[in-house]
C-alpha atoms as a PDB file:
ATOM      1  CA  MET A   1      42.142 -27.516   9.290  1.00  0.00           C
ATOM      2  CA  LYS A   2      39.197 -27.087  11.615  1.00  0.00           C
ATOM      3  CA  ASN A   3      38.878 -29.269  14.701  1.00  0.00           C
ATOM      4  CA  VAL A   4      35.977 -31.462  15.448  1.00  0.00           C
ATOM      5  CA  SER A   5      33.886 -28.619  16.902  1.00  0.00           C
ATOM      6  CA  ALA A   6      34.301 -26.550  13.819  1.00  0.00           C
ATOM      7  CA  THR A   7      31.813 -26.297  10.906  1.00  0.00           C
ATOM      8  CA  GLN A   8      30.464 -29.726  10.211  1.00  0.00           C
ATOM      9  CA  ARG A   9      29.503 -31.209   6.823  1.00  0.00           C
ATOM     10  CA  THR A  10      25.746 -30.764   6.275  1.00  0.00           C
ATOM     11  CA  LYS A  11      26.911 -33.055   4.944  1.00  0.00           C
ATOM     12  CA  ARG A  12      26.898 -61.301   9.205  1.00  0.00           C
ATOM     13  CA  ALA A  13      24.050 -61.982   6.980  1.00  0.00           C
ATOM     14  CA  LEU A  14      21.492 -59.214   7.089  1.00  0.00           C
ATOM     15  CA  PRO A  15      18.820 -60.290   4.591  1.00  0.00           C
ATOM     16  CA  ALA A  16      16.303 -57.853   5.987  1.00  0.00           C
ATOM     17  CA  VAL A  17      18.477 -54.894   5.134  1.00  0.00           C
ATOM     18  CA  VAL A  18      20.106 -55.768   1.934  1.00  0.00           C
ATOM     19  CA  VAL A  19      17.525 -53.821  -0.176  1.00  0.00           C
ATOM     20  CA  THR A  20      17.882 -50.861   2.163  1.00  0.00           C
ATOM     21  CA  ALA A  21      21.636 -50.996   2.003  1.00  0.00           C
ATOM     22  CA  ALA A  22      21.535 -50.933  -1.750  1.00  0.00           C
ATOM     23  CA  LEU A  23      19.200 -47.915  -1.707  1.00  0.00           C
ATOM     24  CA  MET A  24      21.613 -46.185   0.662  1.00  0.00           C
ATOM     25  CA  LEU A  25      24.381 -46.091  -1.954  1.00  0.00           C
ATOM     26  CA  ALA A  26      22.690 -43.060  -3.369  1.00  0.00           C
ATOM     27  CA  VAL A  27      23.917 -41.148  -0.309  1.00  0.00           C
ATOM     28  CA  THR A  28      27.647 -42.082  -0.088  1.00  0.00           C
ATOM     29  CA  ALA A  29      30.236 -40.343   1.750  1.00  0.00           C
ATOM     30  CA  CYS A  30      33.753 -40.751   0.490  1.00  0.00           C
ATOM     31  CA  SER A  31      35.486 -41.061  -2.828  1.00  0.00           C
ATOM     32  CA  PRO A  32      34.920 -44.454  -4.497  1.00  0.00           C
ATOM     33  CA  THR A  33      37.478 -46.152  -6.636  1.00  0.00           C
ATOM     34  CA  GLY A  34      37.610 -48.419  -9.624  1.00  0.00           C
ATOM     35  CA  ASN A  35      39.401 -51.730  -9.913  1.00  0.00           C
ATOM     36  CA  ALA A  36      37.332 -53.890  -7.593  1.00  0.00           C
ATOM     37  CA  SER A  37      39.389 -56.742  -6.390  1.00  0.00           C
ATOM     38  CA  THR A  38      39.982 -58.813  -3.279  1.00  0.00           C
ATOM     39  CA  SER A  39      43.632 -58.339  -2.369  1.00  0.00           C
ATOM     40  CA  THR A  40      44.399 -59.374   1.210  1.00  0.00           C
ATOM     41  CA  SER A  41      47.151 -57.941   3.264  1.00  0.00           C
ATOM     42  CA  GLY A  42      46.509 -59.391   6.695  1.00  0.00           C
ATOM     43  CA  ASP A  43      48.802 -58.801   9.568  1.00  0.00           C
ATOM     44  CA  THR A  44      48.697 -59.480  13.230  1.00  0.00           C
ATOM     45  CA  ALA A  45      50.155 -56.356  14.889  1.00  0.00           C
ATOM     46  CA  GLY A  46      50.729 -54.785  11.455  1.00  0.00           C
ATOM     47  CA  ALA A  47      54.087 -56.683  11.080  1.00  0.00           C
ATOM     48  CA  GLY A  48      55.985 -55.644   7.913  1.00  0.00           C
ATOM     49  CA  THR A  49      53.453 -52.860   7.056  1.00  0.00           C
ATOM     50  CA  GLY A  50      55.241 -49.934   8.652  1.00  0.00           C
ATOM     51  CA  VAL A  51      52.514 -49.506  11.242  1.00  0.00           C
ATOM     52  CA  PRO A  52      53.927 -48.646  14.670  1.00  0.00           C
ATOM     53  CA  ALA A  53      53.222 -51.225  17.490  1.00  0.00           C
ATOM     54  CA  LEU A  54      50.213 -50.828  19.718  1.00  0.00           C
ATOM     55  CA  GLU A  55      49.424 -52.879  22.807  1.00  0.00           C
ATOM     56  CA  VAL A  56      46.434 -55.226  22.916  1.00  0.00           C
ATOM     57  CA  ASN A  57      43.611 -53.632  24.774  1.00  0.00           C
ATOM     58  CA  GLN A  58      42.067 -56.532  26.742  1.00  0.00           C
ATOM     59  CA  ALA A  59      38.943 -54.652  27.635  1.00  0.00           C
ATOM     60  CA  ALA A  60      38.253 -54.183  23.933  1.00  0.00           C
ATOM     61  CA  VAL A  61      39.200 -57.826  23.205  1.00  0.00           C
ATOM     62  CA  ASP A  62      36.628 -59.102  25.867  1.00  0.00           C
ATOM     63  CA  LEU A  63      33.870 -57.162  24.027  1.00  0.00           C
ATOM     64  CA  LEU A  64      34.452 -58.863  20.705  1.00  0.00           C
ATOM     65  CA  PRO A  65      31.706 -61.071  19.242  1.00  0.00           C
ATOM     66  CA  GLU A  66      32.377 -64.780  19.780  1.00  0.00           C
ATOM     67  CA  SER A  67      32.835 -65.351  16.022  1.00  0.00           C
ATOM     68  CA  ILE A  68      35.707 -62.899  15.893  1.00  0.00           C
ATOM     69  CA  LYS A  69      37.255 -64.303  19.120  1.00  0.00           C
ATOM     70  CA  ALA A  70      37.223 -67.637  17.402  1.00  0.00           C
ATOM     71  CA  SER A  71      38.618 -66.712  13.982  1.00  0.00           C
ATOM     72  CA  LYS A  72      40.904 -63.912  15.270  1.00  0.00           C
ATOM     73  CA  VAL A  73      40.349 -62.198  11.919  1.00  0.00           C
ATOM     74  CA  LEU A  74      38.697 -58.961  10.914  1.00  0.00           C
ATOM     75  CA  ARG A  75      37.740 -58.707   7.267  1.00  0.00           C
ATOM     76  CA  VAL A  76      38.030 -54.984   6.443  1.00  0.00           C
ATOM     77  CA  ALA A  77      36.684 -53.533   3.198  1.00  0.00           C
ATOM     78  CA  ILE A  78      38.730 -50.681   1.776  1.00  0.00           C
ATOM     79  CA  PRO A  79      38.758 -48.945  -1.658  1.00  0.00           C
ATOM     80  CA  THR A  80      41.988 -48.191  -3.464  1.00  0.00           C
ATOM     81  CA  ASN A  81      43.589 -45.655  -5.989  1.00  0.00           C
ATOM     82  CA  GLU A  82      43.133 -42.710  -3.699  1.00  0.00           C
ATOM     83  CA  GLN A  83      46.347 -41.420  -2.213  1.00  0.00           C
ATOM     84  CA  PRO A  84      47.024 -40.753   0.523  1.00  0.00           C
ATOM     85  CA  THR A  85      43.945 -42.434   2.161  1.00  0.00           C
ATOM     86  CA  GLN A  86      44.335 -45.917   0.501  1.00  0.00           C
ATOM     87  CA  PHE A  87      46.551 -47.155  -2.328  1.00  0.00           C
ATOM     88  CA  TYR A  88      48.846 -50.020  -3.327  1.00  0.00           C
ATOM     89  CA  ARG A  89      52.486 -49.851  -2.137  1.00  0.00           C
ATOM     90  CA  GLU A  90      54.512 -49.369  -5.343  1.00  0.00           C
ATOM     91  CA  GLY A  91      55.242 -52.594  -7.088  1.00  0.00           C
ATOM     92  CA  THR A  92      53.138 -54.701  -4.591  1.00  0.00           C
ATOM     93  CA  GLN A  93      49.576 -55.773  -3.892  1.00  0.00           C
ATOM     94  CA  GLU A  94      49.959 -54.451  -0.345  1.00  0.00           C
ATOM     95  CA  MET A  95      47.498 -51.781   0.679  1.00  0.00           C
ATOM     96  CA  THR A  96      48.863 -48.700   2.478  1.00  0.00           C
ATOM     97  CA  GLY A  97      47.590 -45.235   3.389  1.00  0.00           C
ATOM     98  CA  THR A  98      45.664 -43.819   6.364  1.00  0.00           C
ATOM     99  CA  ASN A  99      42.709 -46.065   6.058  1.00  0.00           C
ATOM    100  CA  PRO A 100      44.550 -49.469   5.926  1.00  0.00           C
ATOM    101  CA  ASP A 101      46.968 -48.298   8.619  1.00  0.00           C
ATOM    102  CA  VAL A 102      44.164 -47.234  10.946  1.00  0.00           C
ATOM    103  CA  ALA A 103      42.515 -50.595  10.312  1.00  0.00           C
ATOM    104  CA  ARG A 104      45.725 -52.305  11.352  1.00  0.00           C
ATOM    105  CA  LEU A 105      46.006 -50.259  14.481  1.00  0.00           C
ATOM    106  CA  ILE A 106      42.457 -51.381  15.385  1.00  0.00           C
ATOM    107  CA  GLY A 107      43.643 -54.912  14.727  1.00  0.00           C
ATOM    108  CA  GLU A 108      46.588 -54.544  17.015  1.00  0.00           C
ATOM    109  CA  ALA A 109      44.367 -53.129  19.814  1.00  0.00           C
ATOM    110  CA  LEU A 110      42.012 -56.119  19.401  1.00  0.00           C
ATOM    111  CA  GLY A 111      44.810 -58.671  19.011  1.00  0.00           C
ATOM    112  CA  VAL A 112      43.473 -59.984  15.707  1.00  0.00           C
ATOM    113  CA  LYS A 113      44.612 -60.267  12.101  1.00  0.00           C
ATOM    114  CA  VAL A 114      43.439 -57.624   9.578  1.00  0.00           C
ATOM    115  CA  ASP A 115      42.375 -59.062   6.386  1.00  0.00           C
ATOM    116  CA  ILE A 116      42.016 -56.173   3.919  1.00  0.00           C
ATOM    117  CA  GLN A 117      39.639 -56.764   1.141  1.00  0.00           C
ATOM    118  CA  VAL A 118      39.864 -54.229  -1.698  1.00  0.00           C
ATOM    119  CA  ALA A 119      36.541 -53.357  -3.259  1.00  0.00           C
ATOM    120  CA  ASN A 120      34.738 -50.638  -5.229  1.00  0.00           C
ATOM    121  CA  PHE A 121      33.328 -48.096  -2.727  1.00  0.00           C
ATOM    122  CA  ASP A 122      29.772 -48.551  -3.845  1.00  0.00           C
ATOM    123  CA  SER A 123      29.913 -52.287  -3.271  1.00  0.00           C
ATOM    124  CA  ILE A 124      30.994 -51.987   0.369  1.00  0.00           C
ATOM    125  CA  ILE A 125      27.653 -51.580   2.037  1.00  0.00           C
ATOM    126  CA  PRO A 126      26.045 -54.488   0.164  1.00  0.00           C
ATOM    127  CA  GLY A 127      29.100 -56.476   0.953  1.00  0.00           C
ATOM    128  CA  LEU A 128      28.771 -55.742   4.637  1.00  0.00           C
ATOM    129  CA  ALA A 129      25.070 -56.782   4.455  1.00  0.00           C
ATOM    130  CA  ALA A 130      25.974 -59.984   2.714  1.00  0.00           C
ATOM    131  CA  ASN A 131      28.592 -60.890   5.377  1.00  0.00           C
ATOM    132  CA  ARG A 132      31.535 -60.636   2.923  1.00  0.00           C
ATOM    133  CA  TYR A 133      33.260 -58.050   5.235  1.00  0.00           C
ATOM    134  CA  ASP A 134      33.144 -57.341   9.007  1.00  0.00           C
ATOM    135  CA  MET A 135      33.716 -53.648   8.766  1.00  0.00           C
ATOM    136  CA  THR A 136      34.947 -50.824   6.551  1.00  0.00           C
ATOM    137  CA  VAL A 137      37.591 -48.140   7.037  1.00  0.00           C
ATOM    138  CA  SER A 138      36.998 -46.073   3.939  1.00  0.00           C
ATOM    139  CA  SER A 139      36.580 -42.421   4.852  1.00  0.00           C
ATOM    140  CA  MET A 140      32.838 -43.044   5.096  1.00  0.00           C
ATOM    141  CA  THR A 141      30.771 -40.152   6.423  1.00  0.00           C
ATOM    142  CA  PRO A 142      28.272 -41.294   9.025  1.00  0.00           C
ATOM    143  CA  THR A 143      24.804 -40.188   7.861  1.00  0.00           C
ATOM    144  CA  GLU A 144      21.451 -40.835   9.282  1.00  0.00           C
ATOM    145  CA  LYS A 145      20.546 -42.948   6.277  1.00  0.00           C
ATOM    146  CA  ARG A 146      23.505 -45.102   6.594  1.00  0.00           C
ATOM    147  CA  MET A 147      23.073 -45.419  10.328  1.00  0.00           C
ATOM    148  CA  GLU A 148      19.812 -47.285   9.636  1.00  0.00           C
ATOM    149  CA  VAL A 149      21.884 -50.412   8.881  1.00  0.00           C
ATOM    150  CA  LEU A 150      25.450 -49.584  10.069  1.00  0.00           C
ATOM    151  CA  ASP A 151      27.061 -48.527  13.322  1.00  0.00           C
ATOM    152  CA  PHE A 152      29.907 -46.002  13.058  1.00  0.00           C
ATOM    153  CA  VAL A 153      32.788 -45.047  15.251  1.00  0.00           C
ATOM    154  CA  ASP A 154      34.755 -41.819  14.358  1.00  0.00           C
ATOM    155  CA  TYR A 155      38.473 -42.201  13.569  1.00  0.00           C
ATOM    156  CA  MET A 156      39.686 -39.021  11.791  1.00  0.00           C
ATOM    157  CA  GLN A 157      38.332 -35.901  10.143  1.00  0.00           C
ATOM    158  CA  ILE A 158      38.503 -34.707   6.468  1.00  0.00           C
ATOM    159  CA  GLY A 159      36.925 -31.995   4.440  1.00  0.00           C
ATOM    160  CA  ASN A 160      35.904 -30.965   0.999  1.00  0.00           C
ATOM    161  CA  ALA A 161      38.394 -29.500  -1.477  1.00  0.00           C
ATOM    162  CA  ILE A 162      37.958 -27.620  -4.779  1.00  0.00           C
ATOM    163  CA  ALA A 163      40.796 -28.237  -7.314  1.00  0.00           C
ATOM    164  CA  VAL A 164      41.326 -26.005 -10.277  1.00  0.00           C
ATOM    165  CA  PRO A 165      43.864 -25.591 -13.148  1.00  0.00           C
ATOM    166  CA  LYS A 166      47.022 -23.696 -12.066  1.00  0.00           C
ATOM    167  CA  GLY A 167      46.253 -20.049 -12.060  1.00  0.00           C
ATOM    168  CA  ASN A 168      42.522 -20.672 -11.528  1.00  0.00           C
ATOM    169  CA  PRO A 169      41.422 -19.326 -14.971  1.00  0.00           C
ATOM    170  CA  ALA A 170      37.692 -19.582 -14.087  1.00  0.00           C
ATOM    171  CA  GLY A 171      38.169 -17.657 -10.899  1.00  0.00           C
ATOM    172  CA  ILE A 172      36.477 -20.299  -8.716  1.00  0.00           C
ATOM    173  CA  LYS A 173      37.222 -19.262  -5.119  1.00  0.00           C
ATOM    174  CA  ASP A 174      34.640 -21.293  -3.279  1.00  0.00           C
ATOM    175  CA  GLU A 175      31.528 -23.467  -3.589  1.00  0.00           C
ATOM    176  CA  ASN A 176      29.402 -20.427  -4.246  1.00  0.00           C
ATOM    177  CA  ALA A 177      31.129 -20.031  -7.597  1.00  0.00           C
ATOM    178  CA  LEU A 178      30.198 -23.519  -8.950  1.00  0.00           C
ATOM    179  CA  CYS A 179      26.936 -22.441 -10.602  1.00  0.00           C
ATOM    180  CA  GLY A 180      27.075 -23.215 -14.298  1.00  0.00           C
ATOM    181  CA  LYS A 181      30.604 -24.658 -14.081  1.00  0.00           C
ATOM    182  CA  LYS A 182      31.788 -28.044 -15.258  1.00  0.00           C
ATOM    183  CA  VAL A 183      32.537 -29.907 -12.082  1.00  0.00           C
ATOM    184  CA  GLY A 184      34.198 -33.321 -11.819  1.00  0.00           C
ATOM    185  CA  LEU A 185      32.840 -35.486  -8.970  1.00  0.00           C
ATOM    186  CA  LEU A 186      33.504 -38.996  -7.868  1.00  0.00           C
ATOM    187  CA  THR A 187      30.718 -41.470  -8.471  1.00  0.00           C
ATOM    188  CA  GLY A 188      28.613 -42.003  -5.289  1.00  0.00           C
ATOM    189  CA  SER A 189      30.619 -39.420  -3.304  1.00  0.00           C
ATOM    190  CA  TYR A 190      29.227 -37.263  -0.503  1.00  0.00           C
ATOM    191  CA  GLN A 191      30.066 -34.269  -2.731  1.00  0.00           C
ATOM    192  CA  LEU A 192      27.930 -35.552  -5.578  1.00  0.00           C
ATOM    193  CA  THR A 193      24.955 -36.813  -3.559  1.00  0.00           C
ATOM    194  CA  VAL A 194      24.763 -34.315  -0.764  1.00  0.00           C
ATOM    195  CA  ASN A 195      26.825 -31.131  -1.476  1.00  0.00           C
ATOM    196  CA  VAL A 196      25.907 -30.586  -5.141  1.00  0.00           C
ATOM    197  CA  PRO A 197      22.210 -30.889  -4.683  1.00  0.00           C
ATOM    198  CA  GLU A 198      22.362 -28.214  -1.960  1.00  0.00           C
ATOM    199  CA  TYR A 199      24.579 -25.985  -4.131  1.00  0.00           C
ATOM    200  CA  ASP A 200      22.187 -26.433  -7.111  1.00  0.00           C
ATOM    201  CA  HIS A 201      19.284 -25.341  -4.816  1.00  0.00           C
ATOM    202  CA  ALA A 202      21.224 -22.137  -4.003  1.00  0.00           C
ATOM    203  CA  CYS A 203      22.067 -21.562  -7.682  1.00  0.00           C
ATOM    204  CA  ALA A 204      18.379 -21.840  -8.625  1.00  0.00           C
ATOM    205  CA  ALA A 205      17.394 -19.458  -5.851  1.00  0.00           C
ATOM    206  CA  ALA A 206      19.889 -16.896  -7.173  1.00  0.00           C
ATOM    207  CA  GLY A 207      18.606 -17.332 -10.716  1.00  0.00           C
ATOM    208  CA  LYS A 208      21.903 -18.945 -11.867  1.00  0.00           C
ATOM    209  CA  GLU A 209      22.576 -22.057 -13.973  1.00  0.00           C
ATOM    210  CA  ALA A 210      22.934 -25.467 -12.356  1.00  0.00           C
ATOM    211  CA  ILE A 211      26.206 -27.113 -11.865  1.00  0.00           C
ATOM    212  CA  GLN A 212      27.274 -29.219 -14.920  1.00  0.00           C
ATOM    213  CA  ARG A 213      28.186 -32.524 -13.361  1.00  0.00           C
ATOM    214  CA  SER A 214      30.636 -35.104 -14.721  1.00  0.00           C
ATOM    215  CA  GLU A 215      31.188 -38.434 -12.712  1.00  0.00           C
ATOM    216  CA  PHE A 216      34.429 -40.362 -12.460  1.00  0.00           C
ATOM    217  CA  GLN A 217      35.472 -43.622 -10.838  1.00  0.00           C
ATOM    218  CA  ASP A 218      38.599 -42.200  -9.211  1.00  0.00           C
ATOM    219  CA  THR A 219      40.361 -38.933  -8.721  1.00  0.00           C
ATOM    220  CA  ARG A 220      43.050 -39.439 -11.355  1.00  0.00           C
ATOM    221  CA  GLN A 221      40.366 -39.626 -14.039  1.00  0.00           C
ATOM    222  CA  ALA A 222      38.839 -36.447 -12.789  1.00  0.00           C
ATOM    223  CA  ILE A 223      42.127 -34.641 -12.616  1.00  0.00           C
ATOM    224  CA  SER A 224      42.976 -35.754 -16.148  1.00  0.00           C
ATOM    225  CA  ALA A 225      39.753 -34.202 -17.383  1.00  0.00           C
ATOM    226  CA  LEU A 226      40.528 -31.063 -15.517  1.00  0.00           C
ATOM    227  CA  THR A 227      44.091 -30.640 -16.888  1.00  0.00           C
ATOM    228  CA  SER A 228      42.854 -31.393 -20.484  1.00  0.00           C
ATOM    229  CA  GLY A 229      40.293 -28.571 -20.265  1.00  0.00           C
ATOM    230  CA  ARG A 230      37.209 -30.660 -20.112  1.00  0.00           C
ATOM    231  CA  LEU A 231      36.406 -29.476 -16.631  1.00  0.00           C
ATOM    232  CA  ASP A 232      36.546 -26.203 -14.769  1.00  0.00           C
ATOM    233  CA  THR A 233      37.089 -27.817 -11.317  1.00  0.00           C
ATOM    234  CA  VAL A 234      37.092 -31.004  -9.311  1.00  0.00           C
ATOM    235  CA  LEU A 235      35.146 -31.300  -5.935  1.00  0.00           C
ATOM    236  CA  ALA A 236      36.343 -34.201  -3.732  1.00  0.00           C
ATOM    237  CA  ASP A 237      37.807 -35.145  -0.377  1.00  0.00           C
ATOM    238  CA  SER A 238      40.458 -32.683   0.835  1.00  0.00           C
ATOM    239  CA  PRO A 239      43.325 -35.238   1.615  1.00  0.00           C
ATOM    240  CA  ILE A 240      43.057 -36.653  -1.908  1.00  0.00           C
ATOM    241  CA  LEU A 241      42.988 -33.327  -3.769  1.00  0.00           C
ATOM    242  CA  ASN A 242      45.619 -31.726  -1.554  1.00  0.00           C
ATOM    243  CA  PHE A 243      47.991 -34.664  -2.204  1.00  0.00           C
ATOM    244  CA  ALA A 244      47.232 -34.580  -5.923  1.00  0.00           C
ATOM    245  CA  ALA A 245      48.156 -30.880  -6.066  1.00  0.00           C
ATOM    246  CA  THR A 246      51.610 -31.681  -4.523  1.00  0.00           C
ATOM    247  CA  GLN A 247      52.159 -34.297  -7.265  1.00  0.00           C
ATOM    248  CA  ASN A 248      50.773 -32.370 -10.307  1.00  0.00           C
ATOM    249  CA  PRO A 249      52.026 -28.870 -11.056  1.00  0.00           C
ATOM    250  CA  GLN A 250      49.076 -28.247 -13.387  1.00  0.00           C
ATOM    251  CA  ILE A 251      46.494 -28.014 -10.615  1.00  0.00           C
ATOM    252  CA  GLU A 252      46.005 -26.187  -7.341  1.00  0.00           C
ATOM    253  CA  VAL A 253      43.564 -26.312  -4.551  1.00  0.00           C
ATOM    254  CA  ALA A 254      41.351 -23.193  -4.506  1.00  0.00           C
ATOM    255  CA  ARG A 255      39.623 -23.982  -1.266  1.00  0.00           C
ATOM    256  CA  THR A 256      39.299 -26.545   1.530  1.00  0.00           C
ATOM    257  CA  TYR A 257      36.285 -26.477   3.885  1.00  0.00           C
ATOM    258  CA  GLU A 258      33.643 -28.347   5.917  1.00  0.00           C
ATOM    259  CA  PHE A 259      35.824 -30.595   7.958  1.00  0.00           C
ATOM    260  CA  ALA A 260      34.087 -33.396   9.870  1.00  0.00           C
ATOM    261  CA  PRO A 261      34.734 -36.842  11.190  1.00  0.00           C
ATOM    262  CA  VAL A 262      34.497 -40.017   9.084  1.00  0.00           C
ATOM    263  CA  GLY A 263      33.877 -43.343  10.755  1.00  0.00           C
ATOM    264  CA  VAL A 264      34.633 -47.104  10.786  1.00  0.00           C
ATOM    265  CA  GLY A 265      31.361 -48.766   9.676  1.00  0.00           C
ATOM    266  CA  MET A 266      29.989 -52.106  10.652  1.00  0.00           C
ATOM    267  CA  PRO A 267      26.622 -53.953  10.470  1.00  0.00           C
ATOM    268  CA  LYS A 268      24.377 -53.173  13.353  1.00  0.00           C
ATOM    269  CA  GLU A 269      23.638 -56.827  13.944  1.00  0.00           C
ATOM    270  CA  SER A 270      27.334 -57.827  14.056  1.00  0.00           C
ATOM    271  CA  GLY A 271      27.865 -56.864  17.658  1.00  0.00           C
ATOM    272  CA  LEU A 272      31.142 -55.330  16.793  1.00  0.00           C
ATOM    273  CA  VAL A 273      30.535 -51.667  17.750  1.00  0.00           C
ATOM    274  CA  LYS A 274      31.435 -51.841  21.372  1.00  0.00           C
ATOM    275  CA  SER A 275      34.684 -53.610  20.850  1.00  0.00           C
ATOM    276  CA  VAL A 276      35.757 -51.366  17.951  1.00  0.00           C
ATOM    277  CA  SER A 277      34.666 -48.273  19.926  1.00  0.00           C
ATOM    278  CA  ALA A 278      36.892 -49.363  22.903  1.00  0.00           C
ATOM    279  CA  ALA A 279      39.682 -50.160  20.534  1.00  0.00           C
ATOM    280  CA  LEU A 280      39.467 -46.908  18.662  1.00  0.00           C
ATOM    281  CA  ASP A 281      39.420 -45.006  21.981  1.00  0.00           C
ATOM    282  CA  ALA A 282      42.755 -46.550  22.700  1.00  0.00           C
ATOM    283  CA  VAL A 283      44.116 -45.970  19.243  1.00  0.00           C
ATOM    284  CA  ILE A 284      43.323 -42.272  18.968  1.00  0.00           C
ATOM    285  CA  LYS A 285      45.050 -41.651  22.377  1.00  0.00           C
ATOM    286  CA  SER A 286      48.210 -43.427  21.339  1.00  0.00           C
ATOM    287  CA  GLU A 287      51.426 -42.191  19.756  1.00  0.00           C
ATOM    288  CA  SER A 288      50.985 -44.767  17.083  1.00  0.00           C
ATOM    289  CA  TYR A 289      47.828 -42.873  15.752  1.00  0.00           C
ATOM    290  CA  THR A 290      49.756 -39.762  15.512  1.00  0.00           C
ATOM    291  CA  LYS A 291      52.603 -41.451  13.734  1.00  0.00           C
ATOM    292  CA  VAL A 292      50.285 -43.037  11.238  1.00  0.00           C
ATOM    293  CA  LEU A 293      48.568 -39.771  10.329  1.00  0.00           C
ATOM    294  CA  GLY A 294      51.968 -38.002  10.191  1.00  0.00           C
ATOM    295  CA  LYS A 295      53.295 -40.600   7.863  1.00  0.00           C
ATOM    296  CA  TYR A 296      50.864 -39.273   5.213  1.00  0.00           C
ATOM    297  CA  GLY A 297      50.989 -35.553   6.176  1.00  0.00           C
ATOM    298  CA  LEU A 298      47.611 -35.701   7.884  1.00  0.00           C
ATOM    299  CA  GLU A 299      48.440 -34.796  11.384  1.00  0.00           C
ATOM    300  CA  THR A 300      45.630 -32.229  11.556  1.00  0.00           C
ATOM    301  CA  SER A 301      43.112 -34.954  10.633  1.00  0.00           C
ATOM    302  CA  ALA A 302      43.509 -36.340  14.102  1.00  0.00           C
ATOM    303  CA  ILE A 303      40.435 -36.402  16.441  1.00  0.00           C
ATOM    304  CA  THR A 304      40.261 -36.759  20.165  1.00  0.00           C
ATOM    305  CA  ASP A 305      36.953 -38.489  20.651  1.00  0.00           C
ATOM    306  CA  ALA A 306      35.963 -41.787  19.038  1.00  0.00           C
ATOM    307  CA  ARG A 307      32.265 -40.965  18.965  1.00  0.00           C
ATOM    308  CA  VAL A 308      29.788 -43.612  18.252  1.00  0.00           C
ATOM    309  CA  ASN A 309      26.910 -43.053  15.791  1.00  0.00           C
ATOM    310  CA  PHE A 310      27.293 -39.303  15.550  1.00  0.00           C
ATOM    311  CA  ALA A 311      25.569 -38.387  12.258  1.00  0.00           C
ATOM    312  CA  GLN A 312      26.976 -35.715   9.932  1.00  0.00           C
END
């Protein structure tokens, strides 16, 4: 994987911004999921979740808004059904994966309970605007449009991946070969709303057919369509498709590319960004962070700088 300096992707009640937030859903950043629900798996210091211990960072605690200091709870919106970034531990309603675990590390650094709220990806920004959540850790790409209403702090890096049937019968080696192909995409994803329009522009300039888009609510549905011959390829986040390829012998990953940071998102008017930034700065410098990413085979997704509001 590329490091942060490598090729980037070109890729509390807030009544005044609710409409804007809803419009922003057309430019989403990560894979959404189905099965909207509100399962909570809150822990102080991640007890019982397999998350390594992390010391409380008092400087970060001191920066918390008074409301969070009083409640000692962070309500964190996270999607599900996308291994290894977020999914239910088998046989339970407990969320695990890199995103829930990073959220728990933030909670440990801030000395607060993390109350994970499971939601469809495309409902997260409106939920933040309506004060249903305090923040989200959902592989969300910071974009200029999103940053009109949300603050972001980087916490890891991911890329795009192109999955194909085993043997790659259509000969799809990279994104330049997607013109005219049947491509599976996750509803609201960065790939659908940002990458594919750019690729279609290049296809038209070259006199080639546009990409044939098919949208799905989660990766499993897209992969099922791929293995049944209804698609030529699936374009989605690299951790998700790389993991799927290890579990499904019928598919392989033809290419991974455009690695860039994703960020923790929180409403601009919440006053959380300074405390979360200080907490994440401590988190990414800790062994606990390395252990969490290593737990899911994503050591190379680690970053070294918790940048604030760095648009991709």
